[in-house]
Amino acid sequence: MRYRTLGRTGVQVSTLTLGAMNFGRIGRTTQDEATAVVDAALEGGINVIDTADMYSDGESEEMVGKAIAGRRDDIVLATKATMPMGDERNHQGSSRRWLVTELDNSLRRLGVDHVDLYQIHRWDPRTGDEETLSALTDLQRAGKIRYFGSSTFPAYRLVQAQWAAREFHLGRYVTEQPSYSILQRGIETHVLPVTEQYGLGVLVWSPLASGWLSGAVREGREITTSRSMVMPERFDTAVPSNRARLDAVEQLAGVAEEAGLTMIQLALGFVTAHPAVTSAIIGPRTLDHLHSQLTAADTVLSADVLDAIDAIVAPGVDLAAHEKFDTPPALLDPSLRRR
């Protein structure tokens, strides 16, 4: 396992992060299975665990808490808030009212007195930066969080938040957690240059592109990944963007084979090769999944391999741009771009 400094915090983190989204109902994972995955991940050198309040309605946090009991201080523990937790309209968002309440809920579920990294899961257009940053700063001063960061923010919102922190003399986001893979490279155009400018640590999610880069998706095979069962429309090869992904996967498989790598090693080695990326979040449901991903812990791709990847999917290109999560709201809601 390799380790890098998380932004400018001085904290050393593994280049692979254990994502716990699949713990609980979402991944149909039991506590024993989750604990076994955590045990194996820590033994393999991973020292960061990332979860969120809304993963299986808090069940993921509960499972992580039980799995790390007795060794909490050896782990950089990260969680997130902002996404809806139930039907009550104010049980979501980035207001002081909700963040103060929901952090306490997360700490209770995790069974800890603080988290190392508290992240705003998505930008909340209804809440001003000063409101959110002042709440996070107070929570940090109270010792309930060590650092705070953002997740899947558009580049311009990252810049705005950095300005607001300076303008109002508040703590600032020190990390960003964007989606990034060989098949979805759009953040290279705008987000990653901003994170480098401000010295943010970057923890990328979906580096295997929802299973497209796991090695299980190939031409002529029935697609039976767990994600394809939940979101079949994202794997329907009659859809042009999905066809483009499959064509790219076939070419990438040839690059991996020639380099003596698995598709997983190629995919994880690619995202961790970018100088702006600190760590790649993996989300195994089983021990077999974890072990196949841990083989990429020390993978370093040569310039020739990276050039071959660039020739298949050009830098800055998203093969499925409509699946992005950081699109400005006005592009999605016509009422926001019309008088």
Protein backbone atom coordinates (compact mmCIF):
# COMPACT_ATOMS: atom_id res chain seq x y z
CA MET A 1 0.00 0.00 0.00
CA ARG A 2 1.16 3.51 -0.79
CA TYR A 3 0.35 6.59 1.32
CA ARG A 4 -0.10 10.25 0.52
CA THR A 5 -0.73 13.45 2.44
CA LEU A 6 -4.40 14.45 2.50
CA GLY A 7 -4.27 17.92 0.96
CA ARG A 8 -2.42 20.24 3.34
CA THR A 9 -3.64 18.56 6.53
CA GLY A 10 -0.49 16.56 7.19
CA VAL A 11 -2.60 13.41 7.62
CA GLN A 12 -1.20 10.35 5.83
CA VAL A 13 -3.81 8.28 4.02
CA SER A 14 -3.70 5.14 1.92
CA THR A 15 -4.12 5.47 -1.85
CA LEU A 16 -7.13 3.16 -1.56
CA THR A 17 -10.05 4.10 0.71
CA LEU A 18 -12.64 1.60 1.92
CA GLY A 19 -16.06 2.90 0.94
CA ALA A 20 -18.90 1.49 3.05
CA MET A 21 -21.87 2.28 0.82
CA ASN A 22 -22.52 -1.44 0.31
CA PHE A 23 -22.67 -2.18 4.03
CA GLY A 24 -26.25 -2.97 4.98
CA ARG A 25 -29.38 -3.07 2.89
CA ILE A 26 -27.92 -1.49 -0.26
CA GLY A 27 -25.32 -4.22 -0.68
CA ARG A 28 -27.24 -6.91 1.20
CA THR A 29 -24.26 -7.16 3.54
CA THR A 30 -24.49 -8.56 7.07
CA GLN A 31 -22.55 -7.24 10.06
CA ASP A 32 -20.24 -10.25 10.02
CA GLU A 33 -19.50 -9.71 6.33
CA ALA A 34 -18.90 -6.00 6.84
CA THR A 35 -16.56 -6.66 9.75
CA ALA A 36 -14.62 -9.22 7.72
CA VAL A 37 -14.19 -6.69 4.89
CA VAL A 38 -12.99 -4.03 7.34
CA ASP A 39 -10.57 -6.50 8.96
CA ALA A 40 -9.08 -7.49 5.59
CA ALA A 41 -8.90 -3.88 4.39
CA LEU A 42 -6.98 -2.76 7.46
CA GLU A 43 -4.69 -5.78 7.20
CA GLY A 44 -4.06 -4.82 3.57
CA GLY A 45 -2.88 -1.35 4.60
CA ILE A 46 -6.03 0.73 4.06
CA ASN A 47 -6.39 3.33 6.81
CA VAL A 48 -9.37 5.38 5.56
CA ILE A 49 -13.03 4.34 5.81
CA ASP A 50 -15.67 6.48 4.12
CA THR A 51 -19.39 6.22 4.76
CA ALA A 52 -22.45 8.52 4.84
CA ASP A 53 -25.55 9.01 6.93
CA MET A 54 -27.92 8.09 4.08
CA TYR A 55 -26.28 4.79 3.13
CA SER A 56 -29.04 2.30 3.97
CA ASP A 57 -30.62 4.98 6.18
CA GLY A 58 -27.79 4.93 8.71
CA GLU A 59 -27.19 1.19 8.72
CA SER A 60 -23.80 1.57 7.05
CA GLU A 61 -22.58 3.90 9.80
CA GLU A 62 -23.81 1.48 12.46
CA MET A 63 -21.97 -1.42 10.81
CA VAL A 64 -18.77 0.60 10.42
CA GLY A 65 -18.96 1.61 14.08
CA LYS A 66 -19.22 -1.98 15.24
CA ALA A 67 -16.47 -3.12 12.86
CA ILE A 68 -13.93 -0.54 14.08
CA ALA A 69 -14.68 -0.83 17.79
CA GLY A 70 -11.45 -0.93 19.77
CA ARG A 71 -9.27 0.41 16.98
CA ARG A 72 -10.84 3.72 16.12
CA ASP A 73 -7.63 5.72 16.59
CA ASP A 74 -5.87 3.74 13.84
CA ILE A 75 -8.45 4.81 11.24
CA VAL A 76 -9.13 8.04 9.38
CA LEU A 77 -12.91 7.97 9.64
CA ALA A 78 -15.01 9.95 7.17
CA THR A 79 -18.75 10.38 6.81
CA LYS A 80 -21.14 12.70 4.97
CA ALA A 81 -24.44 14.55 5.39
CA THR A 82 -26.86 16.65 3.30
CA MET A 83 -28.89 14.02 1.44
CA PRO A 84 -32.48 13.44 2.67
CA MET A 85 -32.93 11.32 5.79
CA GLY A 86 -36.65 10.57 5.77
CA ASP A 87 -39.60 12.61 4.60
CA GLU A 88 -39.32 15.59 6.97
CA ARG A 89 -38.36 18.55 4.78
CA ASN A 90 -35.69 19.89 7.12
CA HIS A 91 -33.96 16.53 7.62
CA GLN A 92 -31.64 17.28 4.73
CA GLY A 93 -29.48 20.04 3.34
CA SER A 94 -26.55 22.05 4.65
CA SER A 95 -28.19 24.37 7.17
CA ARG A 96 -26.71 24.80 10.64
CA ARG A 97 -29.95 23.38 12.08
CA TRP A 98 -29.57 20.10 10.22
CA LEU A 99 -25.79 19.63 10.26
CA VAL A 100 -25.53 20.07 14.04
CA THR A 101 -28.34 17.58 14.59
CA GLU A 102 -27.24 15.05 12.00
CA LEU A 103 -23.60 14.99 13.06
CA ASP A 104 -24.74 13.93 16.52
CA ASN A 105 -26.85 11.21 14.90
CA SER A 106 -23.85 10.00 12.89
CA LEU A 107 -21.58 9.97 15.94
CA ARG A 108 -24.18 7.93 17.82
CA ARG A 109 -24.52 5.43 14.97
CA LEU A 110 -20.74 5.17 14.59
CA GLY A 111 -20.21 4.86 18.32
CA VAL A 112 -17.46 7.52 18.36
CA ASP A 113 -17.02 11.00 19.80
CA HIS A 114 -15.61 12.55 16.62
CA VAL A 115 -15.03 11.93 12.93
CA ASP A 116 -11.85 12.86 11.14
CA LEU A 117 -13.52 14.14 7.98
CA TYR A 118 -17.10 15.43 7.72
CA GLN A 119 -18.21 16.02 4.14
CA ILE A 120 -21.09 17.89 2.56
CA HIS A 121 -22.49 15.15 0.33
CA ARG A 122 -23.83 17.50 -2.36
CA TRP A 123 -23.91 21.26 -2.82
CA ASP A 124 -27.16 22.62 -1.39
CA PRO A 125 -28.31 25.57 -3.54
CA ARG A 126 -30.80 26.67 -0.86
CA THR A 127 -28.12 27.31 1.75
CA GLY A 128 -25.45 30.00 1.68
CA ASP A 129 -21.77 29.13 2.07
CA GLU A 130 -21.44 31.30 5.19
CA GLU A 131 -24.24 29.37 6.92
CA THR A 132 -22.70 25.98 6.16
CA LEU A 133 -19.07 26.91 6.79
CA SER A 134 -19.85 28.65 10.08
CA ALA A 135 -21.67 25.55 11.35
CA LEU A 136 -18.81 23.29 10.27
CA THR A 137 -16.24 25.61 11.83
CA ASP A 138 -18.10 25.55 15.16
CA LEU A 139 -18.36 21.75 15.04
CA GLN A 140 -14.63 21.58 14.38
CA ARG A 141 -13.87 23.89 17.30
CA ALA A 142 -16.10 21.76 19.50
CA GLY A 143 -13.89 18.75 18.68
CA LYS A 144 -16.63 16.75 16.96
CA ILE A 145 -14.89 16.85 13.58
CA ARG A 146 -11.22 17.25 12.76
CA TYR A 147 -11.59 18.46 9.15
CA PHE A 148 -14.41 19.09 6.72
CA GLY A 149 -14.76 18.72 2.98
CA SER A 150 -17.14 18.70 0.04
CA SER A 151 -18.39 15.95 -2.26
CA THR A 152 -19.28 16.23 -5.94
CA PHE A 153 -19.23 20.03 -5.97
CA PRO A 154 -19.03 21.86 -9.32
CA ALA A 155 -15.72 23.63 -9.73
CA TYR A 156 -17.24 27.10 -9.43
CA ARG A 157 -18.82 26.14 -6.09
CA LEU A 158 -15.44 24.97 -4.80
CA VAL A 159 -13.99 28.38 -5.68
CA GLN A 160 -16.95 30.21 -4.13
CA ALA A 161 -16.63 28.24 -0.89
CA GLN A 162 -12.92 29.00 -0.64
CA TRP A 163 -13.69 32.72 -1.14
CA ALA A 164 -16.45 32.63 1.49
CA ALA A 165 -14.14 30.98 4.03
CA ARG A 166 -11.60 33.73 3.58
CA GLU A 167 -14.17 36.54 3.43
CA PHE A 168 -15.93 35.53 6.65
CA HIS A 169 -12.84 34.20 8.49
CA LEU A 170 -14.17 30.64 8.69
CA GLY A 171 -12.67 27.19 8.34
CA ARG A 172 -12.45 25.93 4.77
CA TYR A 173 -13.09 22.72 2.91
CA VAL A 174 -9.82 20.78 2.80
CA THR A 175 -11.01 17.89 0.62
CA GLU A 176 -13.27 17.20 -2.36
CA GLN A 177 -14.82 13.84 -3.26
CA PRO A 178 -15.70 13.72 -6.98
CA SER A 179 -16.64 10.90 -9.34
CA TYR A 180 -13.69 9.90 -11.56
CA SER A 181 -12.79 6.99 -13.79
CA ILE A 182 -11.28 6.23 -17.17
CA LEU A 183 -14.78 6.47 -18.65
CA GLN A 184 -15.74 9.69 -16.84
CA ARG A 185 -12.85 12.14 -17.11
CA GLY A 186 -14.72 15.45 -17.10
CA ILE A 187 -13.31 16.58 -13.76
CA GLU A 188 -9.88 16.81 -15.38
CA THR A 189 -11.17 19.89 -17.22
CA HIS A 190 -12.45 21.93 -14.29
CA VAL A 191 -12.59 20.30 -10.84
CA LEU A 192 -9.06 18.90 -10.53
CA PRO A 193 -7.33 22.14 -11.59
CA VAL A 194 -9.28 23.90 -8.81
CA THR A 195 -8.40 21.30 -6.18
CA GLU A 196 -4.74 21.62 -7.13
CA GLN A 197 -4.93 25.41 -6.95
CA TYR A 198 -6.34 25.32 -3.40
CA GLY A 199 -4.37 22.33 -2.16
CA LEU A 200 -7.42 20.13 -1.52
CA GLY A 201 -7.12 16.43 -0.87
CA VAL A 202 -9.13 14.44 -3.44
CA LEU A 203 -10.89 11.15 -2.66
CA VAL A 204 -12.43 9.88 -5.90
CA TRP A 205 -15.52 7.68 -5.98
CA SER A 206 -16.69 5.19 -8.62
CA PRO A 207 -13.19 4.56 -10.05
CA LEU A 208 -14.53 1.28 -11.51
CA ALA A 209 -17.36 3.20 -13.22
CA SER A 210 -20.19 1.31 -11.49
CA GLY A 211 -18.66 -2.00 -12.56
CA TRP A 212 -17.95 -1.18 -16.20
CA LEU A 213 -14.21 -1.44 -15.43
CA SER A 214 -14.38 -4.44 -13.09
CA GLY A 215 -13.61 -6.97 -15.82
CA ALA A 216 -17.10 -8.44 -15.60
CA VAL A 217 -18.49 -6.32 -18.46
CA ARG A 218 -17.32 -7.48 -21.91
CA GLU A 219 -18.66 -7.72 -25.42
CA GLY A 220 -20.86 -10.80 -25.95
CA ARG A 221 -21.42 -11.41 -22.25
CA GLU A 222 -24.64 -10.87 -20.38
CA ILE A 223 -24.20 -7.99 -17.95
CA THR A 224 -25.11 -9.28 -14.51
CA THR A 225 -23.30 -6.94 -12.13
CA SER A 226 -25.12 -5.87 -8.97
CA ARG A 227 -25.33 -2.28 -10.21
CA SER A 228 -26.85 -3.38 -13.53
CA MET A 229 -29.63 -5.07 -11.60
CA VAL A 230 -30.47 -1.81 -9.83
CA MET A 231 -29.96 0.57 -12.78
CA PRO A 232 -30.44 -1.47 -15.97
CA GLU A 233 -30.78 1.65 -18.12
CA ARG A 234 -27.12 2.47 -17.44
CA PHE A 235 -26.05 -0.84 -18.96
CA ASP A 236 -28.41 -1.09 -21.93
CA THR A 237 -25.98 -1.29 -24.85
CA ALA A 238 -28.68 -0.06 -27.24
CA VAL A 239 -28.15 3.35 -25.64
CA PRO A 240 -25.40 5.22 -27.55
CA SER A 241 -23.47 6.30 -24.44
CA ASN A 242 -23.47 2.74 -23.11
CA ARG A 243 -22.36 1.43 -26.49
CA ALA A 244 -19.49 3.91 -26.40
CA ARG A 245 -18.53 2.68 -22.94
CA LEU A 246 -18.55 -0.96 -24.03
CA ASP A 247 -16.42 -0.16 -27.08
CA ALA A 248 -13.95 1.64 -24.83
CA VAL A 249 -13.92 -1.25 -22.33
CA GLU A 250 -13.03 -3.70 -25.11
CA GLN A 251 -10.07 -1.57 -26.16
CA LEU A 252 -9.00 -1.02 -22.55
CA ALA A 253 -9.08 -4.78 -21.95
CA GLY A 254 -6.47 -5.13 -24.68
CA VAL A 255 -4.28 -2.48 -23.04
CA ALA A 256 -4.56 -4.22 -19.67
CA GLU A 257 -3.73 -7.62 -21.13
CA GLU A 258 -0.68 -6.31 -22.96
CA ALA A 259 0.53 -4.65 -19.76
CA GLY A 260 -0.04 -7.80 -17.68
CA LEU A 261 -2.71 -6.13 -15.56
CA THR A 262 -6.28 -6.86 -14.59
CA MET A 263 -8.95 -4.37 -15.59
CA ILE A 264 -9.26 -3.41 -11.92
CA GLN A 265 -5.55 -2.69 -11.67
CA LEU A 266 -5.72 -0.62 -14.84
CA ALA A 267 -8.74 1.36 -13.60
CA LEU A 268 -7.45 2.06 -10.09
CA GLY A 269 -3.90 2.66 -11.30
CA PHE A 270 -5.25 5.25 -13.73
CA VAL A 271 -7.11 7.41 -11.22
CA THR A 272 -4.33 7.28 -8.61
CA ALA A 273 -1.79 8.32 -11.27
CA HIS A 274 -3.28 11.81 -11.52
CA PRO A 275 -1.21 14.21 -9.37
CA ALA A 276 -4.36 15.83 -7.96
CA VAL A 277 -5.82 12.55 -6.67
CA THR A 278 -5.03 11.47 -3.12
CA SER A 279 -6.99 8.22 -2.83
CA ALA A 280 -9.50 6.09 -4.75
CA ILE A 281 -12.60 4.87 -2.91
CA ILE A 282 -13.40 1.21 -3.45
CA GLY A 283 -16.75 -0.21 -2.38
CA PRO A 284 -16.51 -4.00 -2.14
CA ARG A 285 -19.56 -6.04 -1.14
CA THR A 286 -17.56 -9.21 -0.51
CA LEU A 287 -14.09 -10.31 0.54
CA ASP A 288 -13.44 -11.56 -3.00
CA HIS A 289 -14.25 -8.10 -4.35
CA LEU A 290 -11.91 -6.52 -1.80
CA HIS A 291 -9.01 -8.84 -2.53
CA SER A 292 -9.30 -8.24 -6.28
CA GLN A 293 -9.13 -4.49 -5.63
CA LEU A 294 -6.29 -4.66 -3.12
CA THR A 295 -4.10 -6.08 -5.90
CA ALA A 296 -4.06 -2.56 -7.31
CA ALA A 297 -2.66 -1.03 -4.10
CA ASP A 298 0.84 -0.74 -5.52
CA THR A 299 -0.02 -0.51 -9.23
CA VAL A 300 1.88 2.24 -11.04
CA LEU A 301 1.03 2.63 -14.71
CA SER A 302 3.78 3.41 -17.19
CA ALA A 303 3.64 6.42 -19.47
CA ASP A 304 2.99 4.11 -22.43
CA VAL A 305 -0.08 2.62 -20.74
CA LEU A 306 -1.40 6.04 -19.76
CA ASP A 307 -0.89 7.26 -23.33
CA ALA A 308 -2.82 4.24 -24.61
CA ILE A 309 -5.70 5.06 -22.27
CA ASP A 310 -5.69 8.68 -23.49
CA ALA A 311 -6.01 7.43 -27.06
CA ILE A 312 -9.15 5.47 -26.14
CA VAL A 313 -10.87 8.04 -23.89
CA ALA A 314 -9.52 11.53 -24.39
CA PRO A 315 -8.56 13.63 -21.35
CA GLY A 316 -11.47 15.64 -19.95
CA VAL A 317 -14.14 13.56 -21.73
CA ASP A 318 -17.18 11.98 -20.05
CA LEU A 319 -18.57 9.10 -22.08
CA ALA A 320 -21.86 9.40 -20.17
CA ALA A 321 -22.09 13.12 -19.44
CA HIS A 322 -25.79 12.85 -18.55
CA GLU A 323 -24.86 10.79 -15.48
CA LYS A 324 -22.82 13.56 -13.90
CA PHE A 325 -23.79 14.67 -10.40
CA ASP A 326 -22.20 18.12 -10.40
CA THR A 327 -24.26 19.67 -13.20
CA PRO A 328 -25.39 23.24 -12.38
CA PRO A 329 -29.10 23.18 -11.43
CA ALA A 330 -30.07 25.57 -14.25
CA LEU A 331 -29.06 22.98 -16.83
CA LEU A 332 -31.49 20.48 -15.33
CA ASP A 333 -34.46 22.72 -14.46
CA PRO A 334 -35.73 24.91 -17.35
CA SER A 335 -37.44 27.30 -14.94
CA LEU A 336 -34.05 28.35 -13.58
CA ARG A 337 -32.82 29.58 -16.98
CA ARG A 338 -35.94 31.47 -18.08
CA ARG A 339 -37.38 34.76 -16.91
